[in-house]
């Protein structure tokens, strides 16, 4: 895999990603903690947890960082050289009466 490949573990929103984490980690922890109560059948929760975490807890953590930085950082690659820059953020505009509003960028 090269630096220009678009491999992402990010979710479309932070609440959705956190929900996936809660389901994934809950299922993994529950699969082990429920063994005394439900027997080895509780280990069937482990694949559910791994699916929710998209493979592994590290993949979920990488996705969390990607989800948080989505829209704030831009990566551009030209001739095999990649740069990471901050995205243009809308600037607050102050009205004559002291109110603030954010401009909608192009």
Foldseek 3Di string as FASTA:
>chain_A
DAPPDDDALADPALVLLVVLQCQLVVLCVQLVVCCVPPNNVSVVSNVVSCVSCVHDVVSSVRRNVCRVCVQQWDWDDDPRDIDIDGDDDFDWDADPVGDIDTDDDD
